[in-house]
Amino acid sequence: MQIDIYDFDKTIVPFDSGSLFCLYCAVHYPWVIICLPVILIAGILMLCRAVSFTNFKKTCFMFVPLIPLEKAVKGFWDRHENETHKWFFERKRPCVIISASPDFLLEEIAKRLHFDYLISTRHSRKTGVIIGENCRDGEKVRRFNEQFENAEVIDVYSDSLKHDKPIFSLAKGQCYHIVNGKPIPFEFDEVYGV
């Protein structure tokens, strides 16, 4: 089977969906700000390298038990679905979206935009805590290989040359760096070396 891989945040949409969802919830469910001191402390500890990014991210969605999650997710995508980059709708092959954003957030937009496959960071819908590893960097490839043993990756799209080298390395066709919402083709070896 031939497929294309897409990152999601700042690739298919022009924003980081997890961060924007946190802001959306703070506006629509203002009582979630009681979680802010813990999130800020975790952020400082991450910047000081006392905790990992994954451990920091475990605190970011601790407000989930305080909101009507399904309603919040639908409201969020009702507001932001139309910001999807138009070029995404011109895809030629089945798509695998691989993202570090929470599964509870992306499953709704996956239905709306008709993703063929979605791989994202698993979170508890009751607590908001990450289950397993954050789906970024090499974890994206590990999760992809776990699900798609015999797939041939043709094109790969992402906004992050820094973090998505592992998925770019899978492309047999073309790599696309998303810059200002537009896919810019590049050769893997020219950017990363042999």
C-alpha atoms as a PDB file:
ATOM      1  CA  MET A   1       0.000   0.000   0.000  1.00  0.00           C
ATOM      2  CA  GLN A   2       1.287   3.457  -0.905  1.00  0.00           C
ATOM      3  CA  ILE A   3       0.568   6.268   1.533  1.00  0.00           C
ATOM      4  CA  ASP A   4       1.594   9.827   2.378  1.00  0.00           C
ATOM      5  CA  ILE A   5       2.460  11.005   5.908  1.00  0.00           C
ATOM      6  CA  TYR A   6       1.395  14.371   7.272  1.00  0.00           C
ATOM      7  CA  ASP A   7       2.234  16.094  10.509  1.00  0.00           C
ATOM      8  CA  PHE A   8      -0.831  17.990  11.769  1.00  0.00           C
ATOM      9  CA  ASP A   9      -0.043  21.148  13.750  1.00  0.00           C
ATOM     10  CA  LYS A  10       1.327  24.020  11.654  1.00  0.00           C
ATOM     11  CA  THR A  11       1.207  21.647   8.705  1.00  0.00           C
ATOM     12  CA  ILE A  12      -2.428  20.875   7.864  1.00  0.00           C
ATOM     13  CA  VAL A  13      -3.609  23.766  10.042  1.00  0.00           C
ATOM     14  CA  PRO A  14      -1.662  26.991  10.733  1.00  0.00           C
ATOM     15  CA  PHE A  15      -1.617  26.632  14.528  1.00  0.00           C
ATOM     16  CA  ASP A  16      -0.679  24.290  17.359  1.00  0.00           C
ATOM     17  CA  SER A  17      -4.036  22.662  18.110  1.00  0.00           C
ATOM     18  CA  GLY A  18      -3.185  21.518  21.649  1.00  0.00           C
ATOM     19  CA  SER A  19      -2.091  24.981  22.804  1.00  0.00           C
ATOM     20  CA  LEU A  20      -5.003  26.692  21.066  1.00  0.00           C
ATOM     21  CA  PHE A  21      -7.432  24.207  22.616  1.00  0.00           C
ATOM     22  CA  CYS A  22      -6.056  25.030  26.084  1.00  0.00           C
ATOM     23  CA  LEU A  23      -6.685  28.723  25.380  1.00  0.00           C
ATOM     24  CA  TYR A  24     -10.170  27.960  24.011  1.00  0.00           C
ATOM     25  CA  CYS A  25     -11.000  26.070  27.217  1.00  0.00           C
ATOM     26  CA  ALA A  26      -9.656  28.890  29.412  1.00  0.00           C
ATOM     27  CA  VAL A  27     -12.009  31.322  27.633  1.00  0.00           C
ATOM     28  CA  HIS A  28     -15.087  29.053  27.517  1.00  0.00           C
ATOM     29  CA  TYR A  29     -14.546  27.282  30.871  1.00  0.00           C
ATOM     30  CA  PRO A  30     -12.705  29.918  32.938  1.00  0.00           C
ATOM     31  CA  TRP A  31     -12.609  27.794  36.084  1.00  0.00           C
ATOM     32  CA  VAL A  32      -9.832  25.720  34.467  1.00  0.00           C
ATOM     33  CA  ILE A  33      -7.372  28.487  35.381  1.00  0.00           C
ATOM     34  CA  ILE A  34      -7.121  26.865  38.817  1.00  0.00           C
ATOM     35  CA  CYS A  35      -4.739  24.426  37.073  1.00  0.00           C
ATOM     36  CA  LEU A  36      -2.506  27.245  35.807  1.00  0.00           C
ATOM     37  CA  PRO A  37      -0.040  27.383  38.751  1.00  0.00           C
ATOM     38  CA  VAL A  38       0.776  23.667  38.401  1.00  0.00           C
ATOM     39  CA  ILE A  39       1.212  23.999  34.619  1.00  0.00           C
ATOM     40  CA  LEU A  40       3.473  27.053  35.054  1.00  0.00           C
ATOM     41  CA  ILE A  41       5.658  25.266  37.615  1.00  0.00           C
ATOM     42  CA  ALA A  42       5.919  22.237  35.318  1.00  0.00           C
ATOM     43  CA  GLY A  43       6.866  24.571  32.447  1.00  0.00           C
ATOM     44  CA  ILE A  44       9.641  26.175  34.498  1.00  0.00           C
ATOM     45  CA  LEU A  45      10.928  22.744  35.541  1.00  0.00           C
ATOM     46  CA  MET A  46      10.969  21.677  31.873  1.00  0.00           C
ATOM     47  CA  LEU A  47      12.901  24.809  30.854  1.00  0.00           C
ATOM     48  CA  CYS A  48      15.400  24.060  33.640  1.00  0.00           C
ATOM     49  CA  ARG A  49      15.605  20.482  32.320  1.00  0.00           C
ATOM     50  CA  ALA A  50      14.396  19.082  35.639  1.00  0.00           C
ATOM     51  CA  VAL A  51      11.496  17.309  33.909  1.00  0.00           C
ATOM     52  CA  SER A  52      11.092  16.041  30.349  1.00  0.00           C
ATOM     53  CA  PHE A  53       8.804  17.613  27.761  1.00  0.00           C
ATOM     54  CA  THR A  54       6.562  14.535  28.059  1.00  0.00           C
ATOM     55  CA  ASN A  55       6.273  15.019  31.831  1.00  0.00           C
ATOM     56  CA  PHE A  56       5.490  18.698  31.286  1.00  0.00           C
ATOM     57  CA  LYS A  57       2.842  17.791  28.733  1.00  0.00           C
ATOM     58  CA  LYS A  58       1.253  15.425  31.258  1.00  0.00           C
ATOM     59  CA  THR A  59       0.268  18.484  33.280  1.00  0.00           C
ATOM     60  CA  CYS A  60      -0.964  20.591  30.337  1.00  0.00           C
ATOM     61  CA  PHE A  61      -4.278  18.777  30.001  1.00  0.00           C
ATOM     62  CA  MET A  62      -4.947  18.213  33.702  1.00  0.00           C
ATOM     63  CA  PHE A  63      -8.017  20.448  33.288  1.00  0.00           C
ATOM     64  CA  VAL A  64      -9.830  17.798  31.190  1.00  0.00           C
ATOM     65  CA  PRO A  65     -11.868  16.448  34.151  1.00  0.00           C
ATOM     66  CA  LEU A  66     -13.199  19.978  34.714  1.00  0.00           C
ATOM     67  CA  ILE A  67     -14.823  20.448  31.290  1.00  0.00           C
ATOM     68  CA  PRO A  68     -17.439  18.750  29.104  1.00  0.00           C
ATOM     69  CA  LEU A  69     -14.693  17.335  26.852  1.00  0.00           C
ATOM     70  CA  GLU A  70     -16.743  16.188  23.849  1.00  0.00           C
ATOM     71  CA  LYS A  71     -18.675  19.473  23.704  1.00  0.00           C
ATOM     72  CA  ALA A  72     -15.455  21.503  24.068  1.00  0.00           C
ATOM     73  CA  VAL A  73     -13.717  19.588  21.269  1.00  0.00           C
ATOM     74  CA  LYS A  74     -16.679  19.996  18.904  1.00  0.00           C
ATOM     75  CA  GLY A  75     -16.920  23.709  19.705  1.00  0.00           C
ATOM     76  CA  PHE A  76     -13.206  24.140  19.129  1.00  0.00           C
ATOM     77  CA  TRP A  77     -13.310  22.508  15.687  1.00  0.00           C
ATOM     78  CA  ASP A  78     -16.528  24.310  14.737  1.00  0.00           C
ATOM     79  CA  ARG A  79     -14.487  27.479  15.174  1.00  0.00           C
ATOM     80  CA  HIS A  80     -11.189  26.339  13.574  1.00  0.00           C
ATOM     81  CA  GLU A  81     -11.956  23.628  10.990  1.00  0.00           C
ATOM     82  CA  ASN A  82     -12.181  26.182   8.166  1.00  0.00           C
ATOM     83  CA  GLU A  83      -8.537  27.161   8.745  1.00  0.00           C
ATOM     84  CA  THR A  84      -7.337  23.897   7.199  1.00  0.00           C
ATOM     85  CA  HIS A  85      -4.901  24.562   4.343  1.00  0.00           C
ATOM     86  CA  LYS A  86      -6.688  24.022   1.026  1.00  0.00           C
ATOM     87  CA  TRP A  87      -3.815  22.071  -0.544  1.00  0.00           C
ATOM     88  CA  PHE A  88      -4.490  19.238   1.946  1.00  0.00           C
ATOM     89  CA  PHE A  89      -7.775  18.469   0.156  1.00  0.00           C
ATOM     90  CA  GLU A  90      -5.895  17.772  -3.106  1.00  0.00           C
ATOM     91  CA  ARG A  91      -4.134  14.676  -1.773  1.00  0.00           C
ATOM     92  CA  LYS A  92      -3.637  11.775  -4.186  1.00  0.00           C
ATOM     93  CA  ARG A  93      -2.987   8.850  -1.835  1.00  0.00           C
ATOM     94  CA  PRO A  94      -4.319   7.590   1.482  1.00  0.00           C
ATOM     95  CA  CYS A  95      -2.987   9.762   4.297  1.00  0.00           C
ATOM     96  CA  VAL A  96      -1.557   8.927   7.681  1.00  0.00           C
ATOM     97  CA  ILE A  97      -1.649  11.863  10.068  1.00  0.00           C
ATOM     98  CA  ILE A  98       1.005  11.538  12.782  1.00  0.00           C
ATOM     99  CA  SER A  99       0.861  14.130  15.535  1.00  0.00           C
ATOM    100  CA  ALA A 100       1.966  14.837  19.088  1.00  0.00           C
ATOM    101  CA  SER A 101      -1.421  16.435  19.763  1.00  0.00           C
ATOM    102  CA  PRO A 102      -3.944  14.576  21.942  1.00  0.00           C
ATOM    103  CA  ASP A 103      -6.051  11.819  20.420  1.00  0.00           C
ATOM    104  CA  PHE A 104      -9.189  13.199  22.104  1.00  0.00           C
ATOM    105  CA  LEU A 105      -8.675  16.459  20.201  1.00  0.00           C
ATOM    106  CA  LEU A 106      -7.727  15.094  16.772  1.00  0.00           C
ATOM    107  CA  GLU A 107     -10.264  12.278  16.431  1.00  0.00           C
ATOM    108  CA  GLU A 108     -13.061  14.800  15.802  1.00  0.00           C
ATOM    109  CA  ILE A 109     -11.191  16.659  13.049  1.00  0.00           C
ATOM    110  CA  ALA A 110     -10.047  13.323  11.597  1.00  0.00           C
ATOM    111  CA  LYS A 111     -13.711  12.467  10.980  1.00  0.00           C
ATOM    112  CA  ARG A 112     -14.503  15.882   9.549  1.00  0.00           C
ATOM    113  CA  LEU A 113     -11.521  15.987   7.174  1.00  0.00           C
ATOM    114  CA  HIS A 114     -11.702  12.266   6.316  1.00  0.00           C
ATOM    115  CA  PHE A 115      -8.220  11.239   7.434  1.00  0.00           C
ATOM    116  CA  ASP A 116      -7.529   7.676   6.347  1.00  0.00           C
ATOM    117  CA  TYR A 117      -5.425   6.967   9.445  1.00  0.00           C
ATOM    118  CA  LEU A 118      -4.540   8.887  12.596  1.00  0.00           C
ATOM    119  CA  ILE A 119      -1.636   8.291  14.962  1.00  0.00           C
ATOM    120  CA  SER A 120      -1.460  10.738  17.872  1.00  0.00           C
ATOM    121  CA  THR A 121      -0.515  11.008  21.527  1.00  0.00           C
ATOM    122  CA  ARG A 122      -2.836   8.888  23.630  1.00  0.00           C
ATOM    123  CA  HIS A 123      -4.462  10.646  26.585  1.00  0.00           C
ATOM    124  CA  SER A 124      -6.881   9.547  29.263  1.00  0.00           C
ATOM    125  CA  ARG A 125     -10.233  11.159  28.561  1.00  0.00           C
ATOM    126  CA  LYS A 126     -10.931  11.102  32.312  1.00  0.00           C
ATOM    127  CA  THR A 127      -7.723  12.693  33.599  1.00  0.00           C
ATOM    128  CA  GLY A 128      -6.092  14.265  30.510  1.00  0.00           C
ATOM    129  CA  VAL A 129      -2.815  12.495  31.342  1.00  0.00           C
ATOM    130  CA  ILE A 130      -0.654  11.012  28.561  1.00  0.00           C
ATOM    131  CA  ILE A 131      -0.834   7.243  28.226  1.00  0.00           C
ATOM    132  CA  GLY A 132       2.524   5.916  27.032  1.00  0.00           C
ATOM    133  CA  GLU A 133       4.928   8.170  25.144  1.00  0.00           C
ATOM    134  CA  ASN A 134       4.398  11.560  23.566  1.00  0.00           C
ATOM    135  CA  CYS A 135       4.080  10.969  19.799  1.00  0.00           C
ATOM    136  CA  ARG A 136       6.958  13.134  18.547  1.00  0.00           C
ATOM    137  CA  ASP A 137      10.413  12.744  17.000  1.00  0.00           C
ATOM    138  CA  GLY A 138      11.407   9.039  16.751  1.00  0.00           C
ATOM    139  CA  GLU A 139       8.226   7.921  18.520  1.00  0.00           C
ATOM    140  CA  LYS A 140       6.301   8.913  15.373  1.00  0.00           C
ATOM    141  CA  VAL A 141       8.267   6.371  13.327  1.00  0.00           C
ATOM    142  CA  ARG A 142       7.986   3.681  16.001  1.00  0.00           C
ATOM    143  CA  ARG A 143       4.208   4.084  16.155  1.00  0.00           C
ATOM    144  CA  PHE A 144       3.975   4.196  12.340  1.00  0.00           C
ATOM    145  CA  ASN A 145       6.004   0.992  11.946  1.00  0.00           C
ATOM    146  CA  GLU A 146       3.903  -0.692  14.631  1.00  0.00           C
ATOM    147  CA  GLN A 147       0.746  -0.026  12.618  1.00  0.00           C
ATOM    148  CA  PHE A 148       2.003  -0.180   9.012  1.00  0.00           C
ATOM    149  CA  GLU A 149       4.458  -3.005   8.389  1.00  0.00           C
ATOM    150  CA  ASN A 150       4.193  -3.156   4.607  1.00  0.00           C
ATOM    151  CA  ALA A 151       3.280   0.405   3.660  1.00  0.00           C
ATOM    152  CA  GLU A 152       5.389   2.342   1.180  1.00  0.00           C
ATOM    153  CA  VAL A 153       5.654   5.995   2.195  1.00  0.00           C
ATOM    154  CA  ILE A 154       5.714   8.228  -0.873  1.00  0.00           C
ATOM    155  CA  ASP A 155       5.526  11.858   0.321  1.00  0.00           C
ATOM    156  CA  VAL A 156       5.969  13.369   3.798  1.00  0.00           C
ATOM    157  CA  TYR A 157       4.702  16.806   4.881  1.00  0.00           C
ATOM    158  CA  SER A 158       5.733  18.692   8.031  1.00  0.00           C
ATOM    159  CA  ASP A 159       6.475  22.170   9.295  1.00  0.00           C
ATOM    160  CA  SER A 160       9.360  20.982  11.498  1.00  0.00           C
ATOM    161  CA  LEU A 161      12.724  20.140   9.967  1.00  0.00           C
ATOM    162  CA  LYS A 162      14.125  19.875  13.504  1.00  0.00           C
ATOM    163  CA  HIS A 163      11.671  17.394  15.011  1.00  0.00           C
ATOM    164  CA  ASP A 164      10.418  15.472  11.984  1.00  0.00           C
ATOM    165  CA  LYS A 165      13.663  14.234  10.455  1.00  0.00           C
ATOM    166  CA  PRO A 166      12.623  10.669  11.473  1.00  0.00           C
ATOM    167  CA  ILE A 167       9.399  10.758   9.429  1.00  0.00           C
ATOM    168  CA  PHE A 168      11.018  12.663   6.547  1.00  0.00           C
ATOM    169  CA  SER A 169      13.527   9.802   6.334  1.00  0.00           C
ATOM    170  CA  LEU A 170      10.675   7.435   5.381  1.00  0.00           C
ATOM    171  CA  ALA A 171       9.806   9.278   2.144  1.00  0.00           C
ATOM    172  CA  LYS A 172      10.483   7.384  -1.073  1.00  0.00           C
ATOM    173  CA  GLY A 173       9.058  10.246  -3.118  1.00  0.00           C
ATOM    174  CA  GLN A 174       9.195  13.851  -1.960  1.00  0.00           C
ATOM    175  CA  CYS A 175       9.647  15.659   1.339  1.00  0.00           C
ATOM    176  CA  TYR A 176       7.640  18.853   1.843  1.00  0.00           C
ATOM    177  CA  HIS A 177       8.523  21.507   4.391  1.00  0.00           C
ATOM    178  CA  ILE A 178       5.465  23.622   5.240  1.00  0.00           C
ATOM    179  CA  VAL A 179       6.442  27.295   5.263  1.00  0.00           C
ATOM    180  CA  ASN A 180       3.759  29.961   5.770  1.00  0.00           C
ATOM    181  CA  GLY A 181       1.105  27.372   4.981  1.00  0.00           C
ATOM    182  CA  LYS A 182       2.649  26.261   1.691  1.00  0.00           C
ATOM    183  CA  PRO A 183       4.379  22.934   0.949  1.00  0.00           C
ATOM    184  CA  ILE A 184       7.950  23.546  -0.249  1.00  0.00           C
ATOM    185  CA  PRO A 185       9.600  20.421  -1.741  1.00  0.00           C
ATOM    186  CA  PHE A 186      13.117  19.472  -0.690  1.00  0.00           C
ATOM    187  CA  GLU A 187      15.498  16.537  -0.971  1.00  0.00           C
ATOM    188  CA  PHE A 188      16.183  14.730   2.313  1.00  0.00           C
ATOM    189  CA  ASP A 189      19.941  14.397   1.657  1.00  0.00           C
ATOM    190  CA  GLU A 190      20.300  18.106   0.839  1.00  0.00           C
ATOM    191  CA  VAL A 191      18.880  19.125   4.232  1.00  0.00           C
ATOM    192  CA  TYR A 192      20.092  16.321   6.499  1.00  0.00           C
ATOM    193  CA  GLY A 193      23.102  14.913   4.644  1.00  0.00           C
ATOM    194  CA  VAL A 194      23.552  11.288   3.612  1.00  0.00           C
END
